[in-house]
Amino acid sequence: MKFEFDHRTGTMLPKKDKQIYFAKSQGGGLLIDDKKNNVRYVIEKDESITNIMGIRGDKVNLYDMRDARIIAERVMRMFGREHKYTDFHYFLRGYRMSENVILNFDEFIEESNLNEDE
């Protein structure tokens, strides 16, 4: 078994699988099983997110650009272009524009609007 350093706890932990697995849930939503971040949730057809194993809703914003785009693409394939979560920005850990780190989608929109006014 391989181990890696966990910066949060300062200890060595078994190396996590970095894959994100997708499946169709029994209710028709998109099941996302993220082994790296220990997150499991279902994106529902009605644009809500159902968390599995007590994970809070704000914990879905954990991804880098590549993973965020993959999740958004899966949502689009399953629910069509009109679904709220086909916008990959909902899943970003932080989005860098100019010197600021954007923490959530609302801040990203505000920053974009400020840049357009200049």
C-alpha atoms as a PDB file:
ATOM      1  CA  MET A   1       0.000   0.000   0.000  1.00  0.00           C
ATOM      2  CA  LYS A   2       1.301   3.480  -0.881  1.00  0.00           C
ATOM      3  CA  PHE A   3       1.118   6.401   1.532  1.00  0.00           C
ATOM      4  CA  GLU A   4       1.014  10.177   1.117  1.00  0.00           C
ATOM      5  CA  PHE A   5       1.401  13.141   3.466  1.00  0.00           C
ATOM      6  CA  ASP A   6      -1.873  14.762   4.562  1.00  0.00           C
ATOM      7  CA  HIS A   7      -1.238  18.487   5.103  1.00  0.00           C
ATOM      8  CA  ARG A   8      -4.409  18.963   7.160  1.00  0.00           C
ATOM      9  CA  THR A   9      -3.535  16.367   9.803  1.00  0.00           C
ATOM     10  CA  GLY A  10       0.261  16.325   9.425  1.00  0.00           C
ATOM     11  CA  THR A  11       0.323  12.522   9.174  1.00  0.00           C
ATOM     12  CA  MET A  12       0.894   9.894   6.539  1.00  0.00           C
ATOM     13  CA  LEU A  13      -2.320   8.363   5.190  1.00  0.00           C
ATOM     14  CA  PRO A  14      -2.991   5.659   2.590  1.00  0.00           C
ATOM     15  CA  LYS A  15      -2.794   7.181  -0.882  1.00  0.00           C
ATOM     16  CA  LYS A  16      -6.225   8.048  -2.229  1.00  0.00           C
ATOM     17  CA  ASP A  17      -7.599   7.016  -5.568  1.00  0.00           C
ATOM     18  CA  LYS A  18      -7.672  10.227  -7.625  1.00  0.00           C
ATOM     19  CA  GLN A  19     -10.529   9.101  -9.847  1.00  0.00           C
ATOM     20  CA  ILE A  20     -14.052  10.468  -9.904  1.00  0.00           C
ATOM     21  CA  TYR A  21     -16.610   7.799 -10.677  1.00  0.00           C
ATOM     22  CA  PHE A  22     -19.980   8.542 -12.240  1.00  0.00           C
ATOM     23  CA  ALA A  23     -23.156   6.484 -12.231  1.00  0.00           C
ATOM     24  CA  LYS A  24     -26.858   6.986 -12.675  1.00  0.00           C
ATOM     25  CA  SER A  25     -28.652   7.083  -9.336  1.00  0.00           C
ATOM     26  CA  GLN A  26     -31.851   5.137  -8.660  1.00  0.00           C
ATOM     27  CA  GLY A  27     -33.792   8.403  -8.698  1.00  0.00           C
ATOM     28  CA  GLY A  28     -32.408   9.324 -12.121  1.00  0.00           C
ATOM     29  CA  GLY A  29     -29.748  11.776 -10.931  1.00  0.00           C
ATOM     30  CA  LEU A  30     -26.015  11.739 -11.596  1.00  0.00           C
ATOM     31  CA  LEU A  31     -24.113   9.994  -8.804  1.00  0.00           C
ATOM     32  CA  ILE A  32     -20.620  11.396  -8.282  1.00  0.00           C
ATOM     33  CA  ASP A  33     -18.221   9.338  -6.183  1.00  0.00           C
ATOM     34  CA  ASP A  34     -15.028  11.341  -5.711  1.00  0.00           C
ATOM     35  CA  LYS A  35     -12.445   9.085  -4.083  1.00  0.00           C
ATOM     36  CA  LYS A  36      -9.728  11.755  -3.811  1.00  0.00           C
ATOM     37  CA  ASN A  37     -11.814  14.205  -1.771  1.00  0.00           C
ATOM     38  CA  ASN A  38     -13.994  11.605  -0.008  1.00  0.00           C
ATOM     39  CA  VAL A  39     -17.114  13.255  -1.416  1.00  0.00           C
ATOM     40  CA  ARG A  40     -20.226  11.478  -2.640  1.00  0.00           C
ATOM     41  CA  TYR A  41     -23.297  13.270  -3.897  1.00  0.00           C
ATOM     42  CA  VAL A  42     -26.093  13.136  -6.443  1.00  0.00           C
ATOM     43  CA  ILE A  43     -26.917  15.965  -8.831  1.00  0.00           C
ATOM     44  CA  GLU A  44     -30.677  15.741  -9.268  1.00  0.00           C
ATOM     45  CA  LYS A  45     -32.777  16.538 -12.332  1.00  0.00           C
ATOM     46  CA  ASP A  46     -34.405  19.424 -10.428  1.00  0.00           C
ATOM     47  CA  GLU A  47     -30.946  21.072 -10.019  1.00  0.00           C
ATOM     48  CA  SER A  48     -30.594  20.212  -6.341  1.00  0.00           C
ATOM     49  CA  ILE A  49     -27.650  18.339  -4.859  1.00  0.00           C
ATOM     50  CA  THR A  50     -28.291  15.434  -2.520  1.00  0.00           C
ATOM     51  CA  ASN A  51     -25.335  14.602  -0.336  1.00  0.00           C
ATOM     52  CA  ILE A  52     -24.480  11.054   0.647  1.00  0.00           C
ATOM     53  CA  MET A  53     -22.939  10.228   4.032  1.00  0.00           C
ATOM     54  CA  GLY A  54     -23.659  13.630   5.578  1.00  0.00           C
ATOM     55  CA  ILE A  55     -21.408  15.805   3.391  1.00  0.00           C
ATOM     56  CA  ARG A  56     -22.470  19.472   3.352  1.00  0.00           C
ATOM     57  CA  GLY A  57     -23.525  21.122   0.083  1.00  0.00           C
ATOM     58  CA  ASP A  58     -20.608  23.574   0.037  1.00  0.00           C
ATOM     59  CA  LYS A  59     -18.193  20.643  -0.100  1.00  0.00           C
ATOM     60  CA  VAL A  60     -18.915  20.109  -3.805  1.00  0.00           C
ATOM     61  CA  ASN A  61     -16.690  23.094  -4.707  1.00  0.00           C
ATOM     62  CA  LEU A  62     -13.500  21.076  -4.438  1.00  0.00           C
ATOM     63  CA  TYR A  63     -12.246  20.690  -7.977  1.00  0.00           C
ATOM     64  CA  ASP A  64      -9.545  21.940 -10.281  1.00  0.00           C
ATOM     65  CA  MET A  65     -10.403  23.123 -13.780  1.00  0.00           C
ATOM     66  CA  ARG A  66     -10.107  19.677 -15.395  1.00  0.00           C
ATOM     67  CA  ASP A  67     -12.345  17.884 -12.882  1.00  0.00           C
ATOM     68  CA  ALA A  68     -14.882  20.727 -12.879  1.00  0.00           C
ATOM     69  CA  ARG A  69     -15.205  20.509 -16.660  1.00  0.00           C
ATOM     70  CA  ILE A  70     -15.562  16.712 -16.585  1.00  0.00           C
ATOM     71  CA  ILE A  71     -18.396  16.908 -14.043  1.00  0.00           C
ATOM     72  CA  ALA A  72     -20.163  19.677 -15.978  1.00  0.00           C
ATOM     73  CA  GLU A  73     -19.835  17.655 -19.194  1.00  0.00           C
ATOM     74  CA  ARG A  74     -21.403  14.602 -17.537  1.00  0.00           C
ATOM     75  CA  VAL A  75     -24.283  16.753 -16.267  1.00  0.00           C
ATOM     76  CA  MET A  76     -24.817  18.111 -19.793  1.00  0.00           C
ATOM     77  CA  ARG A  77     -24.858  14.626 -21.318  1.00  0.00           C
ATOM     78  CA  MET A  78     -27.364  13.395 -18.783  1.00  0.00           C
ATOM     79  CA  PHE A  79     -29.698  16.385 -18.377  1.00  0.00           C
ATOM     80  CA  GLY A  80     -29.086  18.600 -21.421  1.00  0.00           C
ATOM     81  CA  ARG A  81     -27.584  22.073 -21.837  1.00  0.00           C
ATOM     82  CA  GLU A  82     -30.273  23.884 -19.844  1.00  0.00           C
ATOM     83  CA  HIS A  83     -29.358  22.281 -16.499  1.00  0.00           C
ATOM     84  CA  LYS A  84     -27.846  24.664 -13.923  1.00  0.00           C
ATOM     85  CA  TYR A  85     -24.751  22.549 -13.268  1.00  0.00           C
ATOM     86  CA  THR A  86     -23.563  22.398 -16.876  1.00  0.00           C
ATOM     87  CA  ASP A  87     -21.592  25.524 -15.922  1.00  0.00           C
ATOM     88  CA  PHE A  88     -18.281  24.169 -14.634  1.00  0.00           C
ATOM     89  CA  HIS A  89     -17.700  27.223 -12.413  1.00  0.00           C
ATOM     90  CA  TYR A  90     -20.020  25.724  -9.800  1.00  0.00           C
ATOM     91  CA  PHE A  91     -17.421  23.034  -9.111  1.00  0.00           C
ATOM     92  CA  LEU A  92     -14.194  25.059  -9.025  1.00  0.00           C
ATOM     93  CA  ARG A  93     -12.018  25.176  -5.918  1.00  0.00           C
ATOM     94  CA  GLY A  94     -11.008  28.733  -6.777  1.00  0.00           C
ATOM     95  CA  TYR A  95     -10.855  30.552 -10.080  1.00  0.00           C
ATOM     96  CA  ARG A  96      -7.979  32.932 -10.761  1.00  0.00           C
ATOM     97  CA  MET A  97      -8.724  36.141 -12.646  1.00  0.00           C
ATOM     98  CA  SER A  98      -6.152  38.951 -12.555  1.00  0.00           C
ATOM     99  CA  GLU A  99      -4.764  38.992  -8.997  1.00  0.00           C
ATOM    100  CA  ASN A 100      -7.826  37.696  -7.162  1.00  0.00           C
ATOM    101  CA  VAL A 101      -8.838  34.166  -6.281  1.00  0.00           C
ATOM    102  CA  ILE A 102     -12.541  33.759  -6.872  1.00  0.00           C
ATOM    103  CA  LEU A 103     -14.034  31.652  -4.098  1.00  0.00           C
ATOM    104  CA  ASN A 104     -17.464  30.967  -5.523  1.00  0.00           C
ATOM    105  CA  PHE A 105     -19.540  31.453  -8.636  1.00  0.00           C
ATOM    106  CA  ASP A 106     -21.170  34.720  -7.470  1.00  0.00           C
ATOM    107  CA  GLU A 107     -17.754  36.305  -6.891  1.00  0.00           C
ATOM    108  CA  PHE A 108     -16.664  35.092 -10.336  1.00  0.00           C
ATOM    109  CA  ILE A 109     -19.622  36.878 -11.948  1.00  0.00           C
ATOM    110  CA  GLU A 110     -18.971  40.075  -9.949  1.00  0.00           C
ATOM    111  CA  GLU A 111     -15.281  40.048 -10.938  1.00  0.00           C
ATOM    112  CA  SER A 112     -16.169  39.468 -14.590  1.00  0.00           C
ATOM    113  CA  ASN A 113     -18.590  42.408 -14.567  1.00  0.00           C
ATOM    114  CA  LEU A 114     -15.962  44.696 -13.015  1.00  0.00           C
ATOM    115  CA  ASN A 115     -13.430  43.749 -15.705  1.00  0.00           C
ATOM    116  CA  GLU A 116     -15.928  44.535 -18.480  1.00  0.00           C
ATOM    117  CA  ASP A 117     -16.565  48.042 -17.092  1.00  0.00           C
ATOM    118  CA  GLU A 118     -12.901  49.043 -17.321  1.00  0.00           C
END
